[in-house]
Amino acid sequence: QVQLVESGGGLVQSGGSLRLSCAASGITFSAYAMNWYRQAPGKERELVASITTNSGRTMYADSVKGRFTISRDNAKNSVYLQMDSVKPEDTAVYYCNGRKRVFTLDVEYWGQGTQVTVSS
């Protein structure tokens, strides 16, 4: 059974920091590119950050570039999102996603999400 379990969400003041974690089980974690998405109320889910299987490349949405850092530890089957200098507009449910290309198909799994609320 595949599970992606996020943790670390909560309430933080504007300008503060938060570190999200996502622990994976039931998959060969090192074979999956990992992503953090977020969805704010009334908005579509958006990609926040991505990291390749061996951490060789990372990608960030323009809205978080320079403030958020994605990292992974394949030995611990975990991916992290360090959120610094947070803003009220970062308030959303944050989801962990793992994706692997198998021939022409994407195999992906989602966590249940963790709420991040930034107060002004």
Protein backbone atom coordinates (compact mmCIF):
# COMPACT_ATOMS: atom_id res chain seq x y z
CA GLN A 1 0.00 0.00 0.00
CA VAL A 2 1.41 3.32 -1.09
CA GLN A 3 1.32 6.16 1.39
CA LEU A 4 2.58 9.71 1.27
CA VAL A 5 2.13 11.37 4.64
CA GLU A 6 2.71 15.09 5.04
CA SER A 7 3.46 16.79 8.34
CA GLY A 8 4.69 20.10 9.65
CA GLY A 9 1.83 22.35 8.67
CA GLY A 10 0.29 24.84 11.04
CA LEU A 11 -0.16 28.50 11.84
CA VAL A 12 2.78 30.84 11.35
CA GLN A 13 3.15 34.60 11.35
CA SER A 14 4.04 36.49 8.22
CA GLY A 15 7.80 36.55 7.80
CA GLY A 16 8.25 33.34 9.74
CA SER A 17 9.38 29.89 8.73
CA LEU A 18 7.87 26.43 8.48
CA ARG A 19 9.25 23.09 7.36
CA LEU A 20 6.99 20.56 5.73
CA SER A 21 7.90 16.88 5.55
CA CYS A 22 6.50 14.06 3.46
CA ALA A 23 7.28 10.45 4.32
CA ALA A 24 6.71 7.85 1.61
CA SER A 25 6.13 4.14 1.96
CA GLY A 26 5.17 1.37 -0.44
CA ILE A 27 7.17 2.78 -3.35
CA THR A 28 10.77 2.80 -4.50
CA PHE A 29 11.13 6.39 -3.38
CA SER A 30 14.39 7.06 -5.17
CA ALA A 31 12.73 6.31 -8.51
CA TYR A 32 10.17 9.10 -8.15
CA ALA A 33 10.50 12.76 -8.85
CA MET A 34 8.87 14.55 -5.94
CA ASN A 35 6.74 17.66 -5.97
CA TRP A 36 4.96 19.98 -3.58
CA TYR A 37 1.65 21.44 -4.70
CA ARG A 38 -0.69 23.78 -2.89
CA GLN A 39 -4.32 24.72 -3.15
CA ALA A 40 -5.81 27.83 -1.63
CA PRO A 41 -9.57 28.20 -1.07
CA GLY A 42 -11.34 28.92 -4.33
CA LYS A 43 -8.19 28.43 -6.40
CA GLU A 44 -6.78 25.65 -8.51
CA ARG A 45 -4.02 23.41 -7.25
CA GLU A 46 -0.64 24.80 -8.28
CA LEU A 47 2.85 23.36 -8.45
CA VAL A 48 5.13 24.96 -5.87
CA ALA A 49 8.40 23.05 -6.16
CA SER A 50 9.89 19.95 -7.76
CA ILE A 51 13.01 17.87 -7.24
CA THR A 52 14.46 15.15 -9.44
CA THR A 53 15.19 11.62 -8.26
CA ASN A 54 18.80 12.28 -7.31
CA SER A 55 18.28 15.91 -6.22
CA GLY A 56 20.19 17.01 -9.29
CA ARG A 57 17.61 19.59 -10.28
CA THR A 58 15.01 21.64 -8.51
CA MET A 59 12.29 23.91 -9.84
CA TYR A 60 10.22 26.56 -8.10
CA ALA A 61 7.15 28.57 -8.90
CA ASP A 62 7.99 32.24 -9.37
CA SER A 63 5.84 33.12 -6.35
CA VAL A 64 8.09 31.16 -3.97
CA LYS A 65 11.48 31.41 -5.65
CA GLY A 66 14.13 32.57 -3.19
CA ARG A 67 11.91 31.83 -0.18
CA PHE A 68 11.18 28.08 -0.36
CA THR A 69 13.64 25.22 -0.65
CA ILE A 70 12.79 21.66 -1.63
CA SER A 71 15.07 18.80 -0.63
CA ARG A 72 14.92 15.04 -0.29
CA ASP A 73 16.60 12.26 1.61
CA ASN A 74 16.32 9.02 -0.32
CA ALA A 75 17.71 7.05 2.63
CA LYS A 76 14.75 8.24 4.70
CA ASN A 77 12.17 8.08 1.88
CA SER A 78 11.32 11.68 2.60
CA VAL A 79 10.97 15.00 0.86
CA TYR A 80 10.93 18.39 2.55
CA LEU A 81 9.81 21.93 1.86
CA GLN A 82 11.55 24.64 3.85
CA MET A 83 9.35 27.72 3.79
CA ASP A 84 11.02 30.98 4.81
CA SER A 85 9.76 34.57 4.75
CA VAL A 86 6.23 33.27 4.42
CA LYS A 87 3.43 35.57 3.31
CA PRO A 88 -0.33 35.48 3.88
CA GLU A 89 -0.74 34.46 0.24
CA ASP A 90 1.15 31.24 1.03
CA THR A 91 -1.88 30.09 3.01
CA ALA A 92 -3.09 26.85 1.45
CA VAL A 93 -3.29 23.11 1.82
CA TYR A 94 0.08 21.71 0.76
CA TYR A 95 0.24 18.35 -0.97
CA CYS A 96 3.14 16.01 -1.53
CA ASN A 97 3.24 14.28 -4.92
CA GLY A 98 5.46 11.55 -6.30
CA ARG A 99 5.63 10.96 -10.04
CA LYS A 100 7.43 8.43 -12.23
CA ARG A 101 7.29 7.96 -15.99
CA VAL A 102 6.63 4.39 -17.05
CA PHE A 103 6.92 4.19 -20.82
CA THR A 104 4.36 6.78 -21.94
CA LEU A 105 2.39 6.96 -18.71
CA ASP A 106 2.90 8.93 -15.53
CA VAL A 107 2.45 6.95 -12.34
CA GLU A 108 1.78 9.29 -9.46
CA TYR A 109 0.71 9.31 -5.86
CA TRP A 110 -0.62 12.05 -3.58
CA GLY A 111 -0.57 12.72 0.10
CA GLN A 112 -3.63 13.84 2.03
CA GLY A 113 -2.37 17.40 2.45
CA THR A 114 -1.34 19.58 5.35
CA GLN A 115 -2.79 23.00 6.12
CA VAL A 116 -0.50 26.01 6.24
CA THR A 117 -1.97 29.26 7.51
CA VAL A 118 0.04 32.48 7.49
CA SER A 119 -1.27 35.30 9.63
CA SER A 120 -0.55 38.91 8.79
